[in-house]
N, C-alpha and C. Protein backbone atom coordinates (compact mmCIF):
# COMPACT_ATOMS: atom_id res chain seq x y z
N MET A 1 150.98 121.42 139.35
CA MET A 1 151.62 120.11 139.21
C MET A 1 151.86 119.80 137.74
N ARG A 2 152.83 118.95 137.49
CA ARG A 2 153.20 118.60 136.13
C ARG A 2 152.27 117.55 135.55
N LEU A 3 152.39 117.33 134.24
CA LEU A 3 151.65 116.26 133.60
C LEU A 3 152.31 114.92 133.93
N CYS A 4 151.52 113.90 133.92
CA CYS A 4 151.99 112.54 134.17
C CYS A 4 153.09 112.18 133.18
N ASN A 5 154.09 111.43 133.65
CA ASN A 5 155.21 111.07 132.79
C ASN A 5 154.98 109.77 132.01
N GLN A 6 153.77 109.19 132.12
CA GLN A 6 153.48 107.95 131.42
C GLN A 6 152.88 108.25 130.04
N THR A 7 152.79 107.21 129.22
CA THR A 7 152.20 107.37 127.89
C THR A 7 151.00 106.43 127.74
N ILE A 8 150.11 106.78 126.80
CA ILE A 8 148.94 105.96 126.50
C ILE A 8 148.98 105.68 125.01
N ASP A 9 149.23 104.42 124.65
CA ASP A 9 149.36 104.05 123.24
C ASP A 9 150.37 104.94 122.52
N GLY A 10 151.46 105.23 123.21
CA GLY A 10 152.53 106.02 122.61
C GLY A 10 152.36 107.51 122.76
N ALA A 11 151.18 107.97 123.17
CA ALA A 11 150.94 109.41 123.33
C ALA A 11 151.10 109.79 124.80
N PRO A 12 151.56 111.01 125.08
CA PRO A 12 151.73 111.44 126.48
C PRO A 12 150.40 111.43 127.23
N CYS A 13 150.45 111.04 128.48
CA CYS A 13 149.26 111.06 129.32
C CYS A 13 148.86 112.52 129.59
N VAL A 14 147.56 112.81 129.56
CA VAL A 14 147.09 114.19 129.71
C VAL A 14 146.71 114.53 131.15
N TYR A 15 146.84 113.57 132.07
CA TYR A 15 146.46 113.82 133.46
C TYR A 15 147.64 114.34 134.26
N ARG A 16 147.32 115.11 135.28
CA ARG A 16 148.37 115.70 136.10
C ARG A 16 148.84 114.73 137.19
N THR A 17 150.02 114.99 137.68
CA THR A 17 150.60 114.12 138.70
C THR A 17 149.84 114.27 140.02
N ILE A 18 150.00 113.26 140.88
CA ILE A 18 149.33 113.28 142.18
C ILE A 18 149.92 114.35 143.09
N SER A 19 151.25 114.44 143.07
CA SER A 19 151.97 115.41 143.90
C SER A 19 153.30 115.70 143.24
N PRO A 20 154.00 116.73 143.70
CA PRO A 20 155.31 117.04 143.10
C PRO A 20 156.30 115.89 143.23
N LYS A 21 156.10 115.02 144.20
CA LYS A 21 157.04 113.92 144.43
C LYS A 21 156.66 112.65 143.67
N VAL A 22 155.45 112.61 143.11
CA VAL A 22 154.99 111.43 142.37
C VAL A 22 154.85 111.81 140.90
N PRO A 23 155.65 111.20 140.02
CA PRO A 23 155.67 111.63 138.61
C PRO A 23 154.51 111.12 137.76
N SER A 24 153.66 110.26 138.31
CA SER A 24 152.56 109.71 137.52
C SER A 24 151.22 110.22 138.04
N CYS A 25 150.20 110.10 137.20
CA CYS A 25 148.85 110.51 137.59
C CYS A 25 148.22 109.44 138.49
N LEU A 26 147.06 109.77 139.04
CA LEU A 26 146.38 108.87 139.96
C LEU A 26 146.12 107.51 139.33
N TYR A 27 145.64 107.47 138.10
CA TYR A 27 145.23 106.20 137.50
C TYR A 27 146.40 105.37 137.01
N HIS A 28 147.48 106.00 136.57
CA HIS A 28 148.68 105.22 136.26
C HIS A 28 149.30 104.68 137.56
N ARG A 29 149.15 105.46 138.62
CA ARG A 29 149.61 104.98 139.92
C ARG A 29 148.80 103.76 140.37
N LEU A 30 147.48 103.83 140.15
CA LEU A 30 146.61 102.72 140.54
C LEU A 30 146.94 101.45 139.76
N LEU A 31 147.34 101.61 138.50
CA LEU A 31 147.70 100.44 137.69
C LEU A 31 148.84 99.65 138.32
N LYS A 32 149.67 100.33 139.10
CA LYS A 32 150.81 99.67 139.75
C LYS A 32 150.52 99.32 141.21
N THR A 33 149.29 99.63 141.66
CA THR A 33 148.91 99.38 143.05
C THR A 33 148.36 97.97 143.18
N THR A 34 148.40 97.42 144.38
CA THR A 34 147.88 96.08 144.62
C THR A 34 146.38 96.04 144.36
N ILE A 35 145.85 94.84 144.14
CA ILE A 35 144.42 94.68 143.90
C ILE A 35 143.58 95.19 145.07
N PRO A 36 143.92 94.82 146.33
CA PRO A 36 143.16 95.40 147.45
C PRO A 36 143.26 96.93 147.50
N GLY A 37 144.43 97.47 147.14
CA GLY A 37 144.60 98.92 147.12
C GLY A 37 143.71 99.58 146.09
N GLN A 38 143.59 98.96 144.92
CA GLN A 38 142.70 99.50 143.89
C GLN A 38 141.24 99.40 144.33
N ALA A 39 140.90 98.31 145.02
CA ALA A 39 139.53 98.15 145.52
C ALA A 39 139.20 99.23 146.54
N ARG A 40 140.16 99.54 147.42
CA ARG A 40 139.92 100.59 148.43
C ARG A 40 139.74 101.94 147.77
N ALA A 41 140.53 102.20 146.71
CA ALA A 41 140.40 103.47 145.99
C ALA A 41 139.01 103.58 145.35
N ALA A 42 138.51 102.47 144.81
CA ALA A 42 137.17 102.48 144.21
C ALA A 42 136.11 102.72 145.28
N GLU A 43 136.30 102.15 146.46
CA GLU A 43 135.36 102.37 147.56
C GLU A 43 135.34 103.84 147.97
N LEU A 44 136.51 104.48 147.97
CA LEU A 44 136.58 105.90 148.32
C LEU A 44 135.88 106.76 147.26
N ARG A 45 136.04 106.37 146.00
CA ARG A 45 135.36 107.12 144.93
C ARG A 45 133.85 106.99 145.08
N LEU A 46 133.40 105.79 145.42
CA LEU A 46 131.97 105.56 145.59
C LEU A 46 131.43 106.34 146.78
N ALA A 47 132.19 106.35 147.88
CA ALA A 47 131.76 107.06 149.08
C ALA A 47 131.65 108.56 148.83
N ALA A 48 132.50 109.08 147.93
CA ALA A 48 132.49 110.52 147.65
C ALA A 48 131.51 110.89 146.55
N ALA A 49 130.90 109.91 145.91
CA ALA A 49 130.00 110.19 144.78
C ALA A 49 128.70 110.81 145.27
N PRO A 50 128.17 111.76 144.54
CA PRO A 50 126.89 112.39 144.94
C PRO A 50 125.73 111.42 144.83
N GLN A 51 124.73 111.68 145.63
CA GLN A 51 123.49 110.90 145.60
C GLN A 51 122.45 111.67 144.78
N PRO A 52 121.49 111.02 144.15
CA PRO A 52 121.38 109.55 144.06
C PRO A 52 122.37 109.00 143.03
N HIS A 53 122.73 107.73 143.21
CA HIS A 53 123.65 107.10 142.28
C HIS A 53 122.97 106.86 140.94
N ARG A 54 123.77 106.84 139.90
CA ARG A 54 123.25 106.68 138.54
C ARG A 54 123.72 105.35 137.96
N ASP A 55 122.79 104.55 137.45
CA ASP A 55 123.14 103.28 136.82
C ASP A 55 123.80 103.50 135.47
N ARG A 56 123.36 104.53 134.77
CA ARG A 56 123.90 104.81 133.44
C ARG A 56 124.11 106.31 133.27
N VAL A 57 125.11 106.62 132.48
CA VAL A 57 125.33 108.00 132.04
C VAL A 57 125.51 107.94 130.53
N PRO A 58 124.71 108.65 129.76
CA PRO A 58 124.82 108.56 128.30
C PRO A 58 126.22 108.96 127.82
N ALA A 59 126.67 108.29 126.79
CA ALA A 59 128.04 108.48 126.30
C ALA A 59 128.34 109.92 125.92
N TYR A 60 127.32 110.66 125.50
CA TYR A 60 127.60 112.05 125.09
C TYR A 60 127.99 112.94 126.27
N GLU A 61 127.75 112.44 127.51
CA GLU A 61 128.16 113.19 128.70
C GLU A 61 129.57 112.84 129.17
N TRP A 62 130.17 111.82 128.56
CA TRP A 62 131.49 111.39 129.01
C TRP A 62 132.56 112.40 128.56
N PRO A 63 133.47 112.76 129.45
CA PRO A 63 134.62 113.58 129.03
C PRO A 63 135.46 112.82 128.02
N ALA A 64 136.16 113.53 127.19
CA ALA A 64 137.00 112.89 126.17
C ALA A 64 138.03 111.96 126.83
N GLY A 65 138.13 110.76 126.29
CA GLY A 65 139.11 109.80 126.80
C GLY A 65 138.70 109.11 128.08
N GLU A 66 137.43 109.29 128.50
CA GLU A 66 136.97 108.67 129.75
C GLU A 66 135.65 107.94 129.51
N ARG A 67 135.27 107.12 130.48
CA ARG A 67 133.97 106.47 130.43
C ARG A 67 133.40 106.41 131.85
N TRP A 68 132.10 106.17 131.93
CA TRP A 68 131.41 106.13 133.22
C TRP A 68 131.49 104.73 133.81
N CYS A 69 131.83 104.64 135.09
CA CYS A 69 131.81 103.37 135.82
C CYS A 69 130.69 103.45 136.85
N ALA A 70 129.67 102.62 136.67
CA ALA A 70 128.54 102.63 137.61
C ALA A 70 128.93 102.02 138.95
N GLY A 71 130.00 101.23 138.98
CA GLY A 71 130.42 100.60 140.23
C GLY A 71 130.90 101.60 141.25
N CYS A 72 131.83 102.47 140.85
CA CYS A 72 132.36 103.48 141.77
C CYS A 72 131.78 104.86 141.50
N GLN A 73 130.79 104.93 140.58
CA GLN A 73 130.09 106.17 140.27
C GLN A 73 131.05 107.28 139.88
N SER A 74 131.98 106.93 138.99
CA SER A 74 133.02 107.88 138.60
C SER A 74 133.31 107.77 137.11
N PHE A 75 133.81 108.87 136.55
CA PHE A 75 134.40 108.82 135.22
C PHE A 75 135.85 108.41 135.39
N VAL A 76 136.29 107.45 134.59
CA VAL A 76 137.66 106.98 134.69
C VAL A 76 138.29 106.97 133.30
N PRO A 77 139.59 107.12 133.19
CA PRO A 77 140.25 107.08 131.88
C PRO A 77 140.02 105.74 131.21
N LEU A 78 139.96 105.74 129.90
CA LEU A 78 139.75 104.50 129.16
C LEU A 78 140.85 103.48 129.43
N PHE A 79 142.08 103.95 129.70
CA PHE A 79 143.15 103.00 129.95
C PHE A 79 143.02 102.34 131.33
N TYR A 80 142.12 102.88 132.17
CA TYR A 80 141.87 102.25 133.47
C TYR A 80 140.47 101.61 133.49
N ALA A 81 139.97 101.23 132.34
CA ALA A 81 138.65 100.61 132.24
C ALA A 81 138.77 99.22 131.63
N THR A 82 137.90 98.33 132.10
CA THR A 82 137.75 97.01 131.50
C THR A 82 136.27 96.84 131.18
N GLY A 83 135.96 96.81 129.90
CA GLY A 83 134.55 96.75 129.53
C GLY A 83 133.85 98.03 129.92
N SER A 84 132.76 97.89 130.67
CA SER A 84 131.95 99.05 131.02
C SER A 84 132.29 99.65 132.38
N LYS A 85 133.32 99.13 133.03
CA LYS A 85 133.65 99.62 134.38
C LYS A 85 135.15 99.84 134.53
N CYS A 86 135.51 100.49 135.64
CA CYS A 86 136.94 100.65 135.94
C CYS A 86 137.51 99.28 136.25
N LYS A 87 138.81 99.15 136.22
CA LYS A 87 139.45 97.85 136.42
C LYS A 87 139.11 97.25 137.79
N ALA A 88 139.07 98.10 138.82
CA ALA A 88 138.78 97.59 140.16
C ALA A 88 137.36 97.05 140.25
N CYS A 89 136.39 97.79 139.74
CA CYS A 89 134.99 97.36 139.81
C CYS A 89 134.74 96.16 138.91
N ALA A 90 135.38 96.13 137.73
CA ALA A 90 135.22 94.98 136.83
C ALA A 90 135.78 93.72 137.48
N ARG A 91 136.93 93.86 138.15
CA ARG A 91 137.53 92.71 138.84
C ARG A 91 136.63 92.24 139.98
N ALA A 92 136.05 93.18 140.72
CA ALA A 92 135.16 92.83 141.83
C ALA A 92 133.92 92.11 141.30
N ASP A 93 133.37 92.59 140.18
CA ASP A 93 132.20 91.95 139.57
C ASP A 93 132.52 90.52 139.14
N ALA A 94 133.70 90.34 138.53
CA ALA A 94 134.09 89.01 138.07
C ALA A 94 134.24 88.06 139.26
N GLY A 95 134.80 88.57 140.37
CA GLY A 95 134.94 87.75 141.57
C GLY A 95 133.58 87.34 142.13
N ARG A 96 132.65 88.30 142.16
CA ARG A 96 131.31 87.99 142.66
C ARG A 96 130.63 86.93 141.80
N ARG A 97 130.75 87.08 140.47
CA ARG A 97 130.12 86.11 139.57
C ARG A 97 130.73 84.72 139.75
N ARG A 98 132.04 84.67 139.88
CA ARG A 98 132.70 83.36 140.03
C ARG A 98 132.29 82.70 141.34
N ARG A 99 132.25 83.47 142.43
CA ARG A 99 131.85 82.88 143.72
C ARG A 99 130.41 82.38 143.67
N GLN A 100 129.55 83.10 142.94
CA GLN A 100 128.15 82.68 142.84
C GLN A 100 128.03 81.42 141.99
N VAL A 101 128.72 81.40 140.84
CA VAL A 101 128.59 80.28 139.91
C VAL A 101 129.29 79.03 140.43
N VAL A 102 130.52 79.18 140.91
CA VAL A 102 131.32 78.02 141.32
C VAL A 102 130.95 77.51 142.70
N PHE A 103 130.70 78.45 143.64
CA PHE A 103 130.49 78.04 145.03
C PHE A 103 129.07 78.32 145.54
N ALA A 104 128.20 78.87 144.69
CA ALA A 104 126.85 79.26 145.12
C ALA A 104 126.92 80.15 146.36
N LEU A 105 127.91 81.04 146.35
CA LEU A 105 128.18 81.90 147.49
C LEU A 105 127.76 83.33 147.16
N ALA A 106 126.74 83.81 147.84
CA ALA A 106 126.29 85.18 147.62
C ALA A 106 127.32 86.17 148.17
N ASP A 107 127.34 87.37 147.60
CA ASP A 107 128.33 88.36 148.02
C ASP A 107 128.17 88.71 149.50
N GLU A 108 126.92 88.75 150.00
CA GLU A 108 126.69 89.05 151.42
C GLU A 108 127.33 87.98 152.30
N GLN A 109 127.25 86.72 151.89
CA GLN A 109 127.85 85.63 152.66
C GLN A 109 129.37 85.75 152.67
N TRP A 110 129.94 86.11 151.51
CA TRP A 110 131.40 86.26 151.40
C TRP A 110 131.88 87.41 152.28
N GLN A 111 131.15 88.51 152.27
CA GLN A 111 131.53 89.66 153.10
C GLN A 111 131.45 89.30 154.59
N GLU A 112 130.49 88.47 154.96
CA GLU A 112 130.38 88.03 156.35
C GLU A 112 131.57 87.18 156.75
N ILE A 113 132.03 86.32 155.84
CA ILE A 113 133.21 85.49 156.10
C ILE A 113 134.44 86.38 156.29
N LEU A 114 134.62 87.36 155.38
CA LEU A 114 135.77 88.26 155.48
C LEU A 114 135.72 89.07 156.77
N ALA A 115 134.52 89.53 157.16
CA ALA A 115 134.39 90.30 158.40
C ALA A 115 134.71 89.43 159.61
N LEU A 116 134.27 88.18 159.59
CA LEU A 116 134.55 87.26 160.69
C LEU A 116 136.04 87.03 160.85
N GLN A 117 136.75 87.03 159.73
CA GLN A 117 138.20 86.79 159.75
C GLN A 117 139.01 88.09 159.78
N ASP A 118 138.35 89.22 159.96
CA ASP A 118 139.03 90.52 159.98
C ASP A 118 139.74 90.81 158.67
N GLY A 119 139.25 90.24 157.57
CA GLY A 119 139.87 90.46 156.28
C GLY A 119 141.19 89.76 156.10
N LYS A 120 141.53 88.85 157.02
CA LYS A 120 142.82 88.16 156.99
C LYS A 120 142.64 86.69 156.66
N CYS A 121 143.73 86.05 156.28
CA CYS A 121 143.72 84.61 156.04
C CYS A 121 143.35 83.89 157.34
N ALA A 122 142.47 82.91 157.26
CA ALA A 122 142.02 82.20 158.45
C ALA A 122 143.13 81.36 159.07
N ILE A 123 144.18 81.08 158.31
CA ILE A 123 145.24 80.19 158.80
C ILE A 123 146.46 80.97 159.27
N CYS A 124 147.11 81.70 158.37
CA CYS A 124 148.35 82.41 158.75
C CYS A 124 148.06 83.78 159.35
N ARG A 125 146.81 84.27 159.18
CA ARG A 125 146.36 85.55 159.71
C ARG A 125 147.06 86.75 159.07
N ASN A 126 147.64 86.55 157.91
CA ASN A 126 148.20 87.67 157.16
C ASN A 126 147.13 88.22 156.22
N GLN A 127 147.25 89.49 155.91
CA GLN A 127 146.34 90.12 154.96
C GLN A 127 147.03 90.20 153.62
N GLN A 128 146.51 89.48 152.65
CA GLN A 128 147.13 89.42 151.34
C GLN A 128 146.99 90.75 150.64
N ARG A 129 148.11 91.31 150.19
CA ARG A 129 148.09 92.65 149.64
C ARG A 129 148.17 92.68 148.12
N ASP A 130 148.57 91.57 147.50
CA ASP A 130 148.74 91.60 146.05
C ASP A 130 147.58 91.00 145.28
N ARG A 131 146.62 90.42 145.98
CA ARG A 131 145.45 89.86 145.31
C ARG A 131 144.34 89.60 146.32
N ALA A 132 143.15 89.33 145.82
CA ALA A 132 142.02 89.07 146.70
C ALA A 132 142.18 87.70 147.36
N PRO A 133 141.63 87.51 148.57
CA PRO A 133 141.73 86.20 149.23
C PRO A 133 140.96 85.14 148.45
N ALA A 134 141.40 83.90 148.58
CA ALA A 134 140.77 82.80 147.87
C ALA A 134 139.62 82.22 148.69
N VAL A 135 138.63 81.69 147.98
CA VAL A 135 137.54 80.97 148.64
C VAL A 135 138.07 79.58 148.97
N GLU A 136 138.31 79.31 150.23
CA GLU A 136 138.84 78.01 150.64
C GLU A 136 137.66 77.08 150.88
N HIS A 137 137.71 75.89 150.25
CA HIS A 137 136.56 74.99 150.33
C HIS A 137 136.99 73.53 150.38
N ASN A 138 136.08 72.69 150.80
CA ASN A 138 136.31 71.25 150.82
C ASN A 138 136.21 70.74 149.38
N HIS A 139 137.30 70.17 148.87
CA HIS A 139 137.32 69.76 147.47
C HIS A 139 136.47 68.51 147.22
N SER A 140 136.11 67.81 148.26
CA SER A 140 135.26 66.63 148.09
C SER A 140 133.79 66.98 148.06
N THR A 141 133.39 67.90 148.96
CA THR A 141 131.97 68.26 149.07
C THR A 141 131.63 69.59 148.43
N GLY A 142 132.65 70.44 148.23
CA GLY A 142 132.40 71.77 147.68
C GLY A 142 131.98 72.78 148.72
N VAL A 143 131.87 72.38 149.98
CA VAL A 143 131.42 73.28 151.05
C VAL A 143 132.51 74.33 151.33
N VAL A 144 132.10 75.59 151.34
CA VAL A 144 133.03 76.69 151.62
C VAL A 144 133.36 76.69 153.11
N ARG A 145 134.67 76.78 153.42
CA ARG A 145 135.10 76.76 154.81
C ARG A 145 135.57 78.13 155.29
N GLY A 146 136.04 78.97 154.39
CA GLY A 146 136.51 80.28 154.80
C GLY A 146 137.31 80.94 153.70
N ALA A 147 138.06 81.98 154.08
CA ALA A 147 138.92 82.70 153.14
C ALA A 147 140.37 82.47 153.53
N ALA A 148 141.20 82.23 152.54
CA ALA A 148 142.62 81.95 152.82
C ALA A 148 143.48 82.64 151.77
N CYS A 149 144.71 82.94 152.14
CA CYS A 149 145.65 83.49 151.18
C CYS A 149 146.04 82.38 150.21
N VAL A 150 146.60 82.75 149.08
CA VAL A 150 146.95 81.77 148.06
C VAL A 150 147.97 80.77 148.60
N ARG A 151 148.90 81.23 149.40
CA ARG A 151 149.94 80.32 149.90
C ARG A 151 149.34 79.25 150.81
N CYS A 152 148.47 79.65 151.74
CA CYS A 152 147.87 78.66 152.64
C CYS A 152 146.89 77.78 151.89
N ASN A 153 146.14 78.37 150.96
CA ASN A 153 145.14 77.61 150.22
C ASN A 153 145.79 76.57 149.32
N HIS A 154 146.76 76.99 148.51
CA HIS A 154 147.36 76.08 147.54
C HIS A 154 148.55 75.31 148.11
N ASP A 155 149.49 76.06 148.71
CA ASP A 155 150.75 75.44 149.11
C ASP A 155 150.64 74.63 150.40
N LEU A 156 149.75 75.03 151.30
CA LEU A 156 149.61 74.30 152.56
C LEU A 156 148.51 73.24 152.46
N LEU A 157 147.26 73.70 152.34
CA LEU A 157 146.15 72.74 152.30
C LEU A 157 146.14 71.94 151.01
N GLY A 158 146.45 72.60 149.91
CA GLY A 158 146.45 71.89 148.63
C GLY A 158 147.53 70.82 148.58
N ALA A 159 148.74 71.16 149.03
CA ALA A 159 149.84 70.19 149.03
C ALA A 159 149.56 69.03 149.97
N ALA A 160 148.81 69.31 151.03
CA ALA A 160 148.46 68.25 151.99
C ALA A 160 147.21 67.50 151.57
N THR A 161 146.64 67.86 150.42
CA THR A 161 145.40 67.28 149.90
C THR A 161 144.31 67.26 150.97
N ASP A 162 144.24 68.34 151.75
CA ASP A 162 143.21 68.50 152.79
C ASP A 162 143.24 67.38 153.83
N SER A 163 144.39 66.74 153.99
CA SER A 163 144.49 65.60 154.91
C SER A 163 144.93 66.04 156.31
N PRO A 164 144.06 65.93 157.32
CA PRO A 164 144.48 66.25 158.70
C PRO A 164 145.65 65.38 159.16
N ARG A 165 145.69 64.13 158.70
CA ARG A 165 146.78 63.24 159.11
C ARG A 165 148.11 63.74 158.56
N ARG A 166 148.11 64.20 157.33
CA ARG A 166 149.37 64.69 156.75
C ARG A 166 149.82 65.98 157.43
N LEU A 167 148.87 66.86 157.74
CA LEU A 167 149.21 68.10 158.42
C LEU A 167 149.70 67.82 159.84
N ALA A 168 149.08 66.85 160.52
CA ALA A 168 149.54 66.48 161.86
C ALA A 168 150.94 65.88 161.80
N ALA A 169 151.21 65.09 160.77
CA ALA A 169 152.55 64.52 160.60
C ALA A 169 153.57 65.62 160.37
N ALA A 170 153.19 66.66 159.62
CA ALA A 170 154.10 67.78 159.40
C ALA A 170 154.36 68.53 160.69
N LEU A 171 153.33 68.69 161.53
CA LEU A 171 153.50 69.35 162.82
C LEU A 171 154.47 68.58 163.70
N ILE A 172 154.30 67.26 163.76
CA ILE A 172 155.21 66.42 164.55
C ILE A 172 156.63 66.55 164.02
N TYR A 173 156.78 66.56 162.70
CA TYR A 173 158.10 66.69 162.09
C TYR A 173 158.77 67.99 162.48
N LEU A 174 158.01 69.09 162.47
CA LEU A 174 158.59 70.39 162.82
C LEU A 174 158.99 70.47 164.28
N LEU A 175 158.17 69.91 165.16
CA LEU A 175 158.44 69.98 166.59
C LEU A 175 159.50 68.97 167.04
N ALA A 176 159.53 67.82 166.38
CA ALA A 176 160.49 66.78 166.78
C ALA A 176 160.97 66.04 165.54
N PRO A 177 161.87 66.67 164.75
CA PRO A 177 162.35 66.04 163.52
C PRO A 177 163.21 64.81 163.81
N PRO A 178 163.42 63.97 162.80
CA PRO A 178 164.23 62.76 163.01
C PRO A 178 165.60 63.02 163.63
N THR A 179 166.23 64.13 163.27
CA THR A 179 167.57 64.41 163.80
C THR A 179 167.58 64.85 165.26
N SER A 180 166.37 65.10 165.81
CA SER A 180 166.32 65.53 167.21
C SER A 180 166.43 64.37 168.18
N GLY A 181 166.24 63.17 167.67
CA GLY A 181 166.25 62.02 168.55
C GLY A 181 164.92 61.79 169.24
N ARG A 182 163.93 62.66 168.97
CA ARG A 182 162.62 62.53 169.62
C ARG A 182 161.51 62.22 168.61
N TRP A 183 161.90 62.02 167.37
CA TRP A 183 160.91 61.79 166.32
C TRP A 183 160.20 60.46 166.50
N VAL A 184 158.90 60.47 166.27
CA VAL A 184 158.11 59.25 166.29
C VAL A 184 157.45 59.11 164.93
N LYS A 185 157.52 57.95 164.34
CA LYS A 185 156.98 57.75 163.00
C LYS A 185 155.51 58.17 162.94
N PRO A 186 155.12 58.85 161.86
CA PRO A 186 153.74 59.34 161.75
C PRO A 186 152.70 58.24 161.91
N GLU A 187 152.98 57.06 161.38
CA GLU A 187 151.98 56.00 161.48
C GLU A 187 151.74 55.57 162.93
N ILE A 188 152.65 55.95 163.82
CA ILE A 188 152.49 55.63 165.24
C ILE A 188 151.91 56.83 165.99
N SER A 189 152.35 58.03 165.62
CA SER A 189 152.05 59.22 166.43
C SER A 189 150.89 60.07 165.94
N VAL A 190 150.52 60.00 164.67
CA VAL A 190 149.54 60.93 164.13
C VAL A 190 148.16 60.76 164.74
N ASP A 191 147.67 59.55 164.83
CA ASP A 191 146.32 59.35 165.35
C ASP A 191 146.15 59.86 166.78
N PRO A 192 147.11 59.61 167.69
CA PRO A 192 146.97 60.22 169.03
C PRO A 192 146.94 61.74 168.99
N VAL A 193 147.72 62.34 168.07
CA VAL A 193 147.71 63.80 167.94
C VAL A 193 146.34 64.28 167.50
N LEU A 194 145.78 63.61 166.50
CA LEU A 194 144.45 63.99 166.03
C LEU A 194 143.41 63.83 167.13
N THR A 195 143.54 62.78 167.93
CA THR A 195 142.60 62.58 169.04
C THR A 195 142.73 63.72 170.05
N ALA A 196 143.97 64.12 170.34
CA ALA A 196 144.20 65.21 171.29
C ALA A 196 143.63 66.52 170.76
N VAL A 197 143.83 66.78 169.47
CA VAL A 197 143.29 68.00 168.86
C VAL A 197 141.76 68.00 168.93
N ALA A 198 141.16 66.84 168.63
CA ALA A 198 139.70 66.73 168.69
C ALA A 198 139.20 66.98 170.11
N ASP A 199 139.94 66.50 171.11
CA ASP A 199 139.55 66.72 172.50
C ASP A 199 139.61 68.21 172.85
N VAL A 200 140.67 68.89 172.40
CA VAL A 200 140.83 70.31 172.67
C VAL A 200 139.70 71.10 172.01
N LEU A 201 139.39 70.78 170.75
CA LEU A 201 138.32 71.47 170.05
C LEU A 201 136.97 71.24 170.72
N SER A 202 136.76 70.03 171.18
CA SER A 202 135.51 69.72 171.87
C SER A 202 135.38 70.52 173.16
N ALA A 203 136.50 70.64 173.90
CA ALA A 203 136.50 71.41 175.14
C ALA A 203 136.23 72.89 174.87
N LEU A 204 136.85 73.42 173.80
CA LEU A 204 136.64 74.82 173.45
C LEU A 204 135.19 75.07 173.06
N GLN A 205 134.60 74.14 172.31
CA GLN A 205 133.22 74.29 171.91
C GLN A 205 132.28 74.25 173.11
N SER A 206 132.58 73.35 174.04
CA SER A 206 131.75 73.25 175.24
C SER A 206 131.82 74.52 176.06
N ALA A 207 133.06 75.08 176.18
CA ALA A 207 133.24 76.31 176.94
C ALA A 207 132.51 77.47 176.28
N SER A 208 132.55 77.50 174.92
CA SER A 208 131.88 78.57 174.19
C SER A 208 130.37 78.49 174.38
N GLU A 209 129.83 77.27 174.36
CA GLU A 209 128.39 77.10 174.53
C GLU A 209 127.94 77.44 175.93
N SER A 210 128.79 77.16 176.92
CA SER A 210 128.43 77.47 178.31
C SER A 210 128.45 78.96 178.58
N ASP A 211 129.22 79.72 177.76
CA ASP A 211 129.30 81.17 177.95
C ASP A 211 128.12 81.91 177.34
N ARG A 212 127.34 81.21 176.50
CA ARG A 212 126.21 81.87 175.84
C ARG A 212 125.06 82.10 176.81
């Protein structure tokens, strides 16, 4: 295979291409990959790493132009490193620290939330591919409610200021807009809608408890 067609600080990259059809090396390719994609690649490197894992590798053992990442237990090029780890592991560490500091959310709890939601947004059910899911929380109490994509977290819930009444009004608008001739003003229709939703949720909860 040929050498990578990318440059590092103006110098040609010394790594070989992934395949004859891909002109860049693995790590330059990862730089252009989505954040979840880079995280999966780090997980694969960790899974393939020999046991026992090593917390540190002395610098004199590092290949030229590379450094040791204890997160994925791999040597990675310096251009794919942030601080003492590869970009994917450094990003994951920063996310864990932020969730712990801002939300008092342990990584095990966050992983349980993601597993419960199948790794998808709790609202639109899409899997965000360009960045990690956001910690969706009650802005008044700080209580974590789940994981959501940026669009649902910011553009939907954020724009509605977490107001069930505003979201119910939007639902009524979509189903029966003013031009349909069936629109009912939110101040008249929203509260009955919220009552109906509460009744449905109560019935679902009762059914779930009876099945246990």
